[in-house]
Amino acid sequence: MERQFAILVIIDIVESTKFIETVGDLKAAQAMRLYDRIFRGLLIKWSGVEIDKTDGALLIFETMREALQYVVEYHKLVEHHLGLKSRVGIHAGHVMMSTNHAHFVSRGAKPVEVEGVQKHIAARIMSLAGPGQTLLSKRAGEYASSVRAGLMIRDIGRWLLKGVRDPISIYVISWDQSRMKPPKETSKVKLIKPPKLTPEERRRRFFWRWVAPYLVLLIGREHLMILALFEQAGLVPYLYLDVMSRAVSAIVSFIHGLFYF
């Protein structure tokens, strides 16, 4: 058994049990057979190694560039050929690796075993990902930032993983903007600190918090002034519209004073 640094990638089909119940065992088995050919064929192309497979699969790569290229193509092929969404978690760290004796392998044991807390962190990160998403730990995200080759990457905050003492920063990476939204909390992964807002998000928040209410006041004032004229002319029932118009005008004047004093 030896300690090695590895890029850990865990892939999984979203709601696979529901898919099997919907289409039946035979069609599901045929679909999963194609799925296996997709993810294993891409391992050959991008120099990855399959370590374990149950509902999902644990893979390792020597470089982050190959891991990212694998993941992008994996998402696209699974969605195109199977119409299913998958989720991916990527982590980088030292793990304990060992090989099993050929006698055990011949009886179904895995040729290579990977153990350590880093594997469990990768699994927790994968479990947080939404359909079609790829999430990374902070260390993996830092590596990915330097080799992402046009992919978008974003910090989505600090999260507490069940069974892991300290919160960690998690990143999302994708070629598609719609896949960059922060995921929802789960029973095993909780958001501790939200991410910093992007410049676009700060502009949007400023607009809806300050500009939009001010515009509503301006438009409301103009409507109230017009209705107050109708009220004074006796064309509508008396509803104190003139009083409300003066009150809104006072609020608008106060806001002007804040900005132009």
Protein backbone atom coordinates (compact mmCIF):
# COMPACT_ATOMS: atom_id res chain seq x y z
CA MET A 1 0.00 0.00 0.00
CA GLU A 2 1.38 3.42 -0.93
CA ARG A 3 0.34 7.04 -0.61
CA GLN A 4 -0.14 8.80 -3.96
CA PHE A 5 -1.49 12.10 -5.21
CA ALA A 6 -4.43 11.68 -7.58
CA ILE A 7 -7.19 13.58 -9.36
CA LEU A 8 -10.36 11.86 -8.16
CA VAL A 9 -13.48 12.02 -10.34
CA ILE A 10 -16.79 10.51 -9.26
CA ILE A 11 -19.57 10.26 -11.85
CA ASP A 12 -23.19 9.33 -11.29
CA ILE A 13 -26.51 9.19 -13.16
CA VAL A 14 -29.14 11.44 -11.57
CA GLU A 15 -32.23 9.56 -10.34
CA SER A 16 -31.05 6.26 -11.81
CA THR A 17 -33.44 4.24 -9.63
CA LYS A 18 -36.41 6.25 -10.89
CA PHE A 19 -35.22 5.67 -14.47
CA ILE A 20 -35.09 1.89 -13.92
CA GLU A 21 -38.58 1.86 -12.38
CA THR A 22 -39.93 3.91 -15.30
CA VAL A 23 -38.53 1.93 -18.24
CA GLY A 24 -38.21 -1.53 -16.67
CA ASP A 25 -35.23 -3.77 -16.02
CA LEU A 26 -34.58 -4.82 -19.63
CA LYS A 27 -34.51 -1.35 -21.20
CA ALA A 28 -32.63 0.03 -18.23
CA ALA A 29 -30.00 -2.71 -18.53
CA GLN A 30 -29.60 -1.94 -22.25
CA ALA A 31 -29.23 1.78 -21.47
CA MET A 32 -26.70 1.11 -18.72
CA ARG A 33 -24.73 -1.12 -21.08
CA LEU A 34 -24.43 1.81 -23.47
CA TYR A 35 -23.59 4.08 -20.54
CA ASP A 36 -20.74 1.77 -19.54
CA ARG A 37 -19.35 1.87 -23.07
CA ILE A 38 -19.50 5.67 -23.06
CA PHE A 39 -17.74 6.30 -19.78
CA ARG A 40 -15.19 3.51 -20.28
CA GLY A 41 -14.47 4.45 -23.86
CA LEU A 42 -13.75 8.02 -22.76
CA LEU A 43 -11.32 6.68 -20.15
CA ILE A 44 -9.23 5.25 -22.97
CA LYS A 45 -9.36 8.55 -24.86
CA TRP A 46 -8.43 10.73 -21.88
CA SER A 47 -6.05 8.37 -20.02
CA GLY A 48 -8.24 7.77 -16.99
CA VAL A 49 -8.48 4.68 -14.81
CA GLU A 50 -11.66 3.12 -13.43
CA ILE A 51 -11.26 2.21 -9.77
CA ASP A 52 -14.74 1.20 -8.73
CA LYS A 53 -18.31 1.12 -10.06
CA THR A 54 -21.63 0.71 -8.26
CA ASP A 55 -24.43 3.20 -8.94
CA GLY A 56 -21.72 5.67 -9.89
CA ALA A 57 -18.05 5.24 -10.70
CA LEU A 58 -14.77 6.33 -9.13
CA LEU A 59 -12.12 7.34 -11.65
CA ILE A 60 -8.61 8.74 -11.33
CA PHE A 61 -6.59 10.89 -13.71
CA GLU A 62 -2.99 11.98 -13.77
CA THR A 63 -3.73 15.55 -14.91
CA MET A 64 -6.57 18.00 -14.34
CA ARG A 65 -6.69 18.91 -18.03
CA GLU A 66 -7.50 15.32 -18.98
CA ALA A 67 -10.07 15.07 -16.17
CA LEU A 68 -11.89 18.20 -17.37
CA GLN A 69 -11.84 17.12 -21.01
CA TYR A 70 -13.22 13.75 -19.95
CA VAL A 71 -16.02 15.27 -17.87
CA VAL A 72 -17.20 17.69 -20.56
CA GLU A 73 -17.42 14.98 -23.19
CA TYR A 74 -18.98 12.56 -20.70
CA HIS A 75 -21.83 14.96 -19.92
CA LYS A 76 -22.52 15.67 -23.57
CA LEU A 77 -22.49 12.03 -24.72
CA VAL A 78 -24.66 10.74 -21.87
CA GLU A 79 -27.25 13.44 -22.49
CA HIS A 80 -27.18 13.00 -26.29
CA HIS A 81 -27.30 9.21 -26.47
CA LEU A 82 -29.30 8.35 -23.34
CA GLY A 83 -31.30 11.49 -22.60
CA LEU A 84 -30.13 11.28 -18.98
CA LYS A 85 -28.49 13.83 -16.73
CA SER A 86 -25.38 13.01 -14.76
CA ARG A 87 -23.46 14.72 -11.97
CA VAL A 88 -19.75 14.84 -11.28
CA GLY A 89 -17.53 15.61 -8.31
CA ILE A 90 -13.79 16.31 -8.69
CA HIS A 91 -11.26 16.43 -5.88
CA ALA A 92 -7.47 16.33 -5.70
CA GLY A 93 -5.46 14.90 -2.85
CA HIS A 94 -3.36 12.10 -1.48
CA VAL A 95 -4.97 8.67 -1.20
CA MET A 96 -3.83 5.22 -0.16
CA MET A 97 -3.59 2.89 -3.16
CA SER A 98 -3.07 -0.85 -3.15
CA THR A 99 -3.40 -3.76 -5.57
CA ASN A 100 -5.23 -7.02 -5.02
CA HIS A 101 -3.73 -10.43 -5.71
CA ALA A 102 -4.61 -11.99 -9.06
CA HIS A 103 -6.48 -14.81 -7.26
CA PHE A 104 -8.82 -12.28 -5.64
CA VAL A 105 -9.24 -10.37 -8.90
CA SER A 106 -10.25 -13.59 -10.64
CA ARG A 107 -13.02 -13.90 -8.04
CA GLY A 108 -14.35 -10.39 -8.70
CA ALA A 109 -12.14 -8.16 -6.57
CA LYS A 110 -11.02 -4.81 -7.98
CA PRO A 111 -7.45 -4.78 -9.32
CA VAL A 112 -6.73 -1.46 -7.55
CA GLU A 113 -8.15 -0.20 -4.26
CA VAL A 114 -8.25 3.49 -3.30
CA GLU A 115 -8.90 4.48 0.31
CA GLY A 116 -8.73 7.62 2.41
CA VAL A 117 -10.78 10.63 3.43
CA GLN A 118 -10.16 12.30 0.05
CA LYS A 119 -12.36 9.70 -1.63
CA HIS A 120 -15.20 10.45 0.76
CA ILE A 121 -14.81 14.20 0.17
CA ALA A 122 -15.08 13.62 -3.56
CA ALA A 123 -18.25 11.56 -3.02
CA ARG A 124 -19.84 14.28 -0.87
CA ILE A 125 -19.03 16.92 -3.49
CA MET A 126 -20.58 14.78 -6.21
CA SER A 127 -23.73 14.27 -4.11
CA LEU A 128 -24.22 18.05 -3.95
CA ALA A 129 -24.10 18.54 -7.73
CA GLY A 130 -27.33 19.11 -9.60
CA PRO A 131 -28.32 17.45 -12.90
CA GLY A 132 -25.67 18.14 -15.53
CA GLN A 133 -23.30 19.81 -13.06
CA THR A 134 -19.63 19.33 -12.25
CA LEU A 135 -18.44 20.51 -8.82
CA LEU A 136 -14.87 20.73 -7.58
CA SER A 137 -13.14 21.13 -4.23
CA LYS A 138 -11.05 24.25 -3.68
CA ARG A 139 -7.78 22.47 -4.47
CA ALA A 140 -9.21 20.91 -7.62
CA GLY A 141 -10.77 24.25 -8.56
CA GLU A 142 -7.43 26.03 -8.27
CA TYR A 143 -5.82 23.45 -10.56
CA ALA A 144 -8.74 23.66 -12.97
CA SER A 145 -8.52 27.47 -13.18
CA SER A 146 -5.12 27.22 -14.86
CA VAL A 147 -6.07 24.55 -17.42
CA ARG A 148 -9.79 25.06 -18.01
CA ALA A 149 -9.38 25.94 -21.70
CA GLY A 150 -12.41 28.18 -22.12
CA LEU A 151 -14.61 26.58 -19.47
CA MET A 152 -16.36 28.87 -16.99
CA ILE A 153 -15.54 28.36 -13.32
CA ARG A 154 -17.14 29.95 -10.27
CA ASP A 155 -16.80 29.85 -6.50
CA ILE A 156 -20.14 28.78 -4.98
CA GLY A 157 -19.23 29.31 -1.32
CA ARG A 158 -18.00 27.35 1.67
CA TRP A 159 -19.79 24.13 2.54
CA LEU A 160 -19.74 21.72 5.47
CA LEU A 161 -19.58 18.08 4.38
CA LYS A 162 -20.96 15.44 6.72
CA GLY A 163 -18.09 13.53 8.28
CA VAL A 164 -15.53 16.23 7.41
CA ARG A 165 -14.49 18.53 10.26
CA ASP A 166 -13.68 21.76 8.41
CA PRO A 167 -15.84 23.52 5.79
CA ILE A 168 -14.38 23.64 2.28
CA SER A 169 -14.83 25.95 -0.68
CA ILE A 170 -16.56 24.38 -3.67
CA TYR A 171 -16.46 25.47 -7.30
CA VAL A 172 -18.70 24.77 -10.28
CA ILE A 173 -17.26 24.44 -13.79
CA SER A 174 -18.98 24.11 -17.16
CA TRP A 175 -19.09 25.17 -20.80
CA ASP A 176 -22.78 26.11 -20.32
CA GLN A 177 -23.91 29.14 -18.29
CA SER A 178 -27.16 27.42 -17.26
CA ARG A 179 -25.16 24.79 -15.35
CA MET A 180 -23.32 27.37 -13.21
CA LYS A 181 -26.09 27.97 -10.65
CA PRO A 182 -25.25 27.15 -7.03
CA PRO A 183 -26.84 23.83 -6.00
CA LYS A 184 -29.29 23.36 -3.15
CA GLU A 185 -28.21 22.10 0.26
CA THR A 186 -28.62 18.42 1.03
CA SER A 187 -28.87 16.49 4.28
CA LYS A 188 -25.15 15.72 4.04
CA VAL A 189 -23.80 19.00 2.61
CA LYS A 190 -24.71 22.36 4.18
CA LEU A 191 -23.89 25.89 2.99
CA ILE A 192 -21.82 27.76 5.60
CA LYS A 193 -20.87 30.93 3.72
CA PRO A 194 -22.46 32.11 0.45
CA PRO A 195 -20.15 32.98 -2.45
CA LYS A 196 -19.13 36.51 -3.31
CA LEU A 197 -21.42 38.12 -5.85
CA THR A 198 -20.16 38.57 -9.39
CA PRO A 199 -20.16 42.14 -10.86
CA GLU A 200 -23.29 41.27 -12.85
CA GLU A 201 -25.06 39.97 -9.73
CA ARG A 202 -24.07 43.11 -7.79
CA ARG A 203 -25.52 45.32 -10.54
CA ARG A 204 -28.71 43.25 -10.60
CA ARG A 205 -29.08 43.38 -6.83
CA PHE A 206 -28.53 47.17 -6.82
CA PHE A 207 -31.18 47.61 -9.50
CA TRP A 208 -33.87 45.57 -7.74
CA ARG A 209 -33.05 46.87 -4.26
CA TRP A 210 -32.72 50.59 -5.06
CA VAL A 211 -33.50 51.59 -8.65
CA ALA A 212 -36.68 49.57 -9.19
CA PRO A 213 -38.45 50.85 -6.03
CA TYR A 214 -37.48 54.42 -6.94
CA LEU A 215 -38.92 54.02 -10.44
CA VAL A 216 -42.12 52.63 -8.93
CA LEU A 217 -42.34 55.72 -6.72
CA LEU A 218 -41.86 58.05 -9.70
CA ILE A 219 -44.48 56.31 -11.80
CA GLY A 220 -46.85 56.12 -8.84
CA ARG A 221 -46.44 59.84 -8.15
CA GLU A 222 -47.34 60.75 -11.73
CA HIS A 223 -50.43 58.53 -11.67
CA LEU A 224 -51.53 59.92 -8.30
CA MET A 225 -51.11 63.51 -9.51
CA ILE A 226 -53.33 62.81 -12.54
CA LEU A 227 -55.97 61.04 -10.45
CA ALA A 228 -55.87 63.87 -7.90
CA LEU A 229 -56.84 66.30 -10.69
CA PHE A 230 -59.80 64.09 -11.56
CA GLU A 231 -60.68 63.96 -7.87
CA GLN A 232 -60.61 67.77 -7.56
CA ALA A 233 -62.82 68.03 -10.65
CA GLY A 234 -65.31 65.67 -9.05
CA LEU A 235 -64.90 63.02 -11.73
CA VAL A 236 -63.95 60.30 -9.22
CA PRO A 237 -64.93 59.69 -5.59
CA TYR A 238 -62.88 61.50 -2.96
CA LEU A 239 -60.15 59.07 -1.90
CA TYR A 240 -57.55 61.47 -0.46
CA LEU A 241 -55.55 61.09 -3.67
CA ASP A 242 -54.19 64.62 -3.37
CA VAL A 243 -52.85 63.82 0.11
CA MET A 244 -51.24 60.59 -1.13
CA SER A 245 -49.75 62.43 -4.11
CA ARG A 246 -48.14 65.03 -1.84
CA ALA A 247 -46.83 62.28 0.47
CA VAL A 248 -45.21 60.36 -2.39
CA SER A 249 -43.76 63.62 -3.79
CA ALA A 250 -42.24 64.31 -0.37
CA ILE A 251 -40.61 60.86 -0.34
CA VAL A 252 -39.21 61.40 -3.85
CA SER A 253 -37.87 64.83 -2.82
CA PHE A 254 -36.25 63.28 0.24
CA ILE A 255 -34.52 60.67 -1.94
CA HIS A 256 -33.33 63.42 -4.30
CA GLY A 257 -31.91 65.24 -1.29
CA LEU A 258 -29.91 62.17 -0.27
CA PHE A 259 -28.18 62.02 -3.65
CA TYR A 260 -27.85 65.71 -4.50
CA PHE A 261 -27.20 67.37 -1.12
